[in-house]
Amino acid sequence: MIRKASAEGDSTLEWFKSSYSDSSNSSECVEVASAPGTVHVRDSKNAQGPRVAFAPGAWADFVSYAAGH
């Protein structure tokens, strides 16, 4: 995980929800945005709230793990 007080270039990030998101229950979704060297994740209900940033390899490992569970 990358720890920064403020994610660089927040205004230029293009956020998206997974195609697996349940549109009937919008309270259970995260959004993801890629930037060079970083993958940002936030709660879709609180777009201005806290975010976490991961190195691309760490994010890929997480997605691979989550897909198997």
N, C-alpha and C. Protein backbone atom coordinates (compact mmCIF):
# COMPACT_ATOMS: atom_id res chain seq x y z
N MET A 1 0.85 -1.16 0.00
CA MET A 1 0.00 0.00 0.00
C MET A 1 0.90 1.22 0.00
N ILE A 2 0.48 2.25 -0.67
CA ILE A 2 1.22 3.50 -0.73
C ILE A 2 0.54 4.48 0.22
N ARG A 3 1.30 5.07 1.12
CA ARG A 3 0.73 6.02 2.07
C ARG A 3 1.12 7.44 1.67
N LYS A 4 0.12 8.25 1.37
CA LYS A 4 0.33 9.64 1.02
C LYS A 4 -0.77 10.46 1.68
N ALA A 5 -0.45 11.65 2.11
CA ALA A 5 -1.48 12.50 2.70
C ALA A 5 -2.54 12.87 1.68
N SER A 6 -2.13 13.04 0.45
CA SER A 6 -3.06 13.39 -0.62
C SER A 6 -2.60 12.69 -1.89
N ALA A 7 -3.52 12.04 -2.56
CA ALA A 7 -3.16 11.36 -3.80
C ALA A 7 -2.82 12.38 -4.87
N GLU A 8 -1.73 12.16 -5.57
CA GLU A 8 -1.32 13.09 -6.61
C GLU A 8 -2.32 13.10 -7.76
N GLY A 9 -2.63 14.29 -8.26
CA GLY A 9 -3.48 14.41 -9.44
C GLY A 9 -4.89 13.92 -9.24
N ASP A 10 -5.45 14.05 -8.03
CA ASP A 10 -6.81 13.57 -7.76
C ASP A 10 -7.82 14.06 -8.78
N SER A 11 -7.70 15.30 -9.21
CA SER A 11 -8.70 15.87 -10.12
C SER A 11 -8.63 15.25 -11.51
N THR A 12 -7.53 14.59 -11.84
CA THR A 12 -7.40 13.99 -13.17
C THR A 12 -7.68 12.50 -13.17
N LEU A 13 -7.95 11.93 -12.01
CA LEU A 13 -8.21 10.49 -11.96
C LEU A 13 -9.57 10.17 -12.59
N GLU A 14 -9.61 9.09 -13.33
CA GLU A 14 -10.86 8.62 -13.92
C GLU A 14 -11.32 7.40 -13.15
N TRP A 15 -12.34 7.56 -12.33
CA TRP A 15 -12.84 6.50 -11.46
C TRP A 15 -13.84 5.62 -12.19
N PHE A 16 -13.83 4.33 -11.87
CA PHE A 16 -14.82 3.42 -12.44
C PHE A 16 -15.20 2.37 -11.42
N LYS A 17 -16.40 1.82 -11.59
CA LYS A 17 -16.88 0.72 -10.76
C LYS A 17 -16.72 -0.57 -11.54
N SER A 18 -16.58 -1.64 -10.82
CA SER A 18 -16.46 -2.95 -11.44
C SER A 18 -17.75 -3.31 -12.17
N SER A 19 -17.61 -4.05 -13.24
CA SER A 19 -18.79 -4.54 -13.95
C SER A 19 -19.54 -5.55 -13.10
N TYR A 20 -18.92 -6.03 -12.03
CA TYR A 20 -19.56 -6.97 -11.12
C TYR A 20 -20.35 -6.26 -10.02
N SER A 21 -20.32 -4.93 -9.98
CA SER A 21 -21.04 -4.18 -8.96
C SER A 21 -22.53 -4.46 -9.08
N ASP A 22 -23.17 -4.58 -7.95
CA ASP A 22 -24.61 -4.84 -7.89
C ASP A 22 -25.34 -3.51 -7.95
N SER A 23 -25.90 -3.16 -9.08
CA SER A 23 -26.57 -1.87 -9.24
C SER A 23 -27.81 -1.75 -8.37
N SER A 24 -28.34 -2.87 -7.89
CA SER A 24 -29.53 -2.80 -7.03
C SER A 24 -29.16 -2.46 -5.59
N ASN A 25 -27.85 -2.52 -5.26
CA ASN A 25 -27.41 -2.21 -3.91
C ASN A 25 -26.17 -1.33 -3.99
N SER A 26 -26.37 -0.05 -4.21
CA SER A 26 -25.25 0.87 -4.41
C SER A 26 -24.43 1.10 -3.16
N SER A 27 -24.86 0.57 -2.01
CA SER A 27 -24.12 0.79 -0.78
C SER A 27 -22.95 -0.18 -0.63
N GLU A 28 -22.75 -1.06 -1.57
CA GLU A 28 -21.68 -2.04 -1.46
C GLU A 28 -20.77 -1.98 -2.68
N CYS A 29 -20.13 -0.84 -2.90
CA CYS A 29 -19.30 -0.73 -4.08
C CYS A 29 -18.08 0.13 -3.81
N VAL A 30 -17.00 -0.23 -4.45
CA VAL A 30 -15.81 0.60 -4.43
C VAL A 30 -15.55 1.07 -5.86
N GLU A 31 -14.78 2.13 -5.97
CA GLU A 31 -14.37 2.64 -7.28
C GLU A 31 -12.85 2.60 -7.33
N VAL A 32 -12.33 2.43 -8.53
CA VAL A 32 -10.89 2.30 -8.75
C VAL A 32 -10.47 3.29 -9.82
N ALA A 33 -9.27 3.84 -9.66
CA ALA A 33 -8.67 4.72 -10.68
C ALA A 33 -7.19 4.39 -10.78
N SER A 34 -6.69 4.32 -11.99
CA SER A 34 -5.27 4.04 -12.21
C SER A 34 -4.53 5.33 -12.52
N ALA A 35 -3.33 5.40 -12.02
CA ALA A 35 -2.41 6.49 -12.34
C ALA A 35 -1.05 5.82 -12.53
N PRO A 36 -0.12 6.47 -13.16
CA PRO A 36 1.20 5.86 -13.34
C PRO A 36 1.80 5.44 -11.99
N GLY A 37 2.00 4.16 -11.83
CA GLY A 37 2.63 3.63 -10.62
C GLY A 37 1.73 3.47 -9.43
N THR A 38 0.42 3.76 -9.56
CA THR A 38 -0.49 3.71 -8.41
C THR A 38 -1.89 3.30 -8.85
N VAL A 39 -2.55 2.51 -8.01
CA VAL A 39 -3.97 2.19 -8.20
C VAL A 39 -4.69 2.74 -6.97
N HIS A 40 -5.65 3.65 -7.19
CA HIS A 40 -6.40 4.30 -6.11
C HIS A 40 -7.74 3.59 -5.93
N VAL A 41 -8.19 3.48 -4.67
CA VAL A 41 -9.46 2.83 -4.36
C VAL A 41 -10.21 3.72 -3.37
N ARG A 42 -11.52 3.89 -3.61
CA ARG A 42 -12.36 4.68 -2.70
C ARG A 42 -13.74 4.05 -2.59
N ASP A 43 -14.48 4.46 -1.58
CA ASP A 43 -15.86 4.05 -1.37
C ASP A 43 -16.75 4.87 -2.29
N SER A 44 -17.56 4.25 -3.10
CA SER A 44 -18.39 4.97 -4.07
C SER A 44 -19.42 5.87 -3.39
N LYS A 45 -19.80 5.57 -2.15
CA LYS A 45 -20.79 6.39 -1.44
C LYS A 45 -20.18 7.67 -0.90
N ASN A 46 -18.86 7.71 -0.79
CA ASN A 46 -18.18 8.86 -0.19
C ASN A 46 -16.98 9.23 -1.05
N ALA A 47 -17.27 9.76 -2.23
CA ALA A 47 -16.22 10.05 -3.21
C ALA A 47 -15.18 11.04 -2.72
N GLN A 48 -15.53 11.90 -1.78
CA GLN A 48 -14.57 12.87 -1.25
C GLN A 48 -13.89 12.36 0.01
N GLY A 49 -14.26 11.18 0.45
CA GLY A 49 -13.71 10.62 1.68
C GLY A 49 -12.34 9.99 1.50
N PRO A 50 -11.94 9.18 2.47
CA PRO A 50 -10.62 8.58 2.43
C PRO A 50 -10.43 7.64 1.24
N ARG A 51 -9.19 7.53 0.83
CA ARG A 51 -8.82 6.65 -0.29
C ARG A 51 -7.57 5.89 0.10
N VAL A 52 -7.38 4.77 -0.51
CA VAL A 52 -6.12 4.04 -0.35
C VAL A 52 -5.48 3.93 -1.73
N ALA A 53 -4.16 3.86 -1.73
CA ALA A 53 -3.42 3.73 -2.98
C ALA A 53 -2.49 2.53 -2.87
N PHE A 54 -2.44 1.75 -3.91
CA PHE A 54 -1.62 0.54 -3.96
C PHE A 54 -0.64 0.60 -5.11
N ALA A 55 0.49 -0.03 -4.92
CA ALA A 55 1.40 -0.25 -6.05
C ALA A 55 0.70 -1.21 -6.99
N PRO A 56 0.90 -1.10 -8.29
CA PRO A 56 0.20 -1.97 -9.24
C PRO A 56 0.37 -3.46 -8.96
N GLY A 57 1.55 -3.88 -8.55
CA GLY A 57 1.76 -5.30 -8.25
C GLY A 57 0.94 -5.76 -7.06
N ALA A 58 0.85 -4.93 -6.02
CA ALA A 58 0.05 -5.26 -4.84
C ALA A 58 -1.42 -5.36 -5.20
N TRP A 59 -1.90 -4.43 -6.05
CA TRP A 59 -3.30 -4.47 -6.48
C TRP A 59 -3.57 -5.73 -7.30
N ALA A 60 -2.67 -6.08 -8.19
CA ALA A 60 -2.84 -7.28 -9.02
C ALA A 60 -2.88 -8.53 -8.13
N ASP A 61 -2.03 -8.57 -7.12
CA ASP A 61 -2.04 -9.71 -6.19
C ASP A 61 -3.37 -9.79 -5.44
N PHE A 62 -3.89 -8.63 -5.00
CA PHE A 62 -5.17 -8.61 -4.29
C PHE A 62 -6.30 -9.09 -5.18
N VAL A 63 -6.36 -8.57 -6.41
CA VAL A 63 -7.43 -8.95 -7.33
C VAL A 63 -7.37 -10.45 -7.62
N SER A 64 -6.18 -10.97 -7.82
CA SER A 64 -6.03 -12.42 -8.07
C SER A 64 -6.51 -13.22 -6.86
N TYR A 65 -6.14 -12.79 -5.68
CA TYR A 65 -6.58 -13.48 -4.45
C TYR A 65 -8.10 -13.39 -4.31
N ALA A 66 -8.66 -12.19 -4.47
CA ALA A 66 -10.10 -11.99 -4.28
C ALA A 66 -10.91 -12.81 -5.29
N ALA A 67 -10.41 -12.93 -6.51
CA ALA A 67 -11.11 -13.69 -7.55
C ALA A 67 -11.23 -15.17 -7.18
N GLY A 68 -10.30 -15.64 -6.37
CA GLY A 68 -10.31 -17.06 -5.99
C GLY A 68 -11.11 -17.35 -4.75
N HIS A 69 -11.71 -16.31 -4.14
CA HIS A 69 -12.43 -16.53 -2.89
C HIS A 69 -13.84 -16.08 -2.95
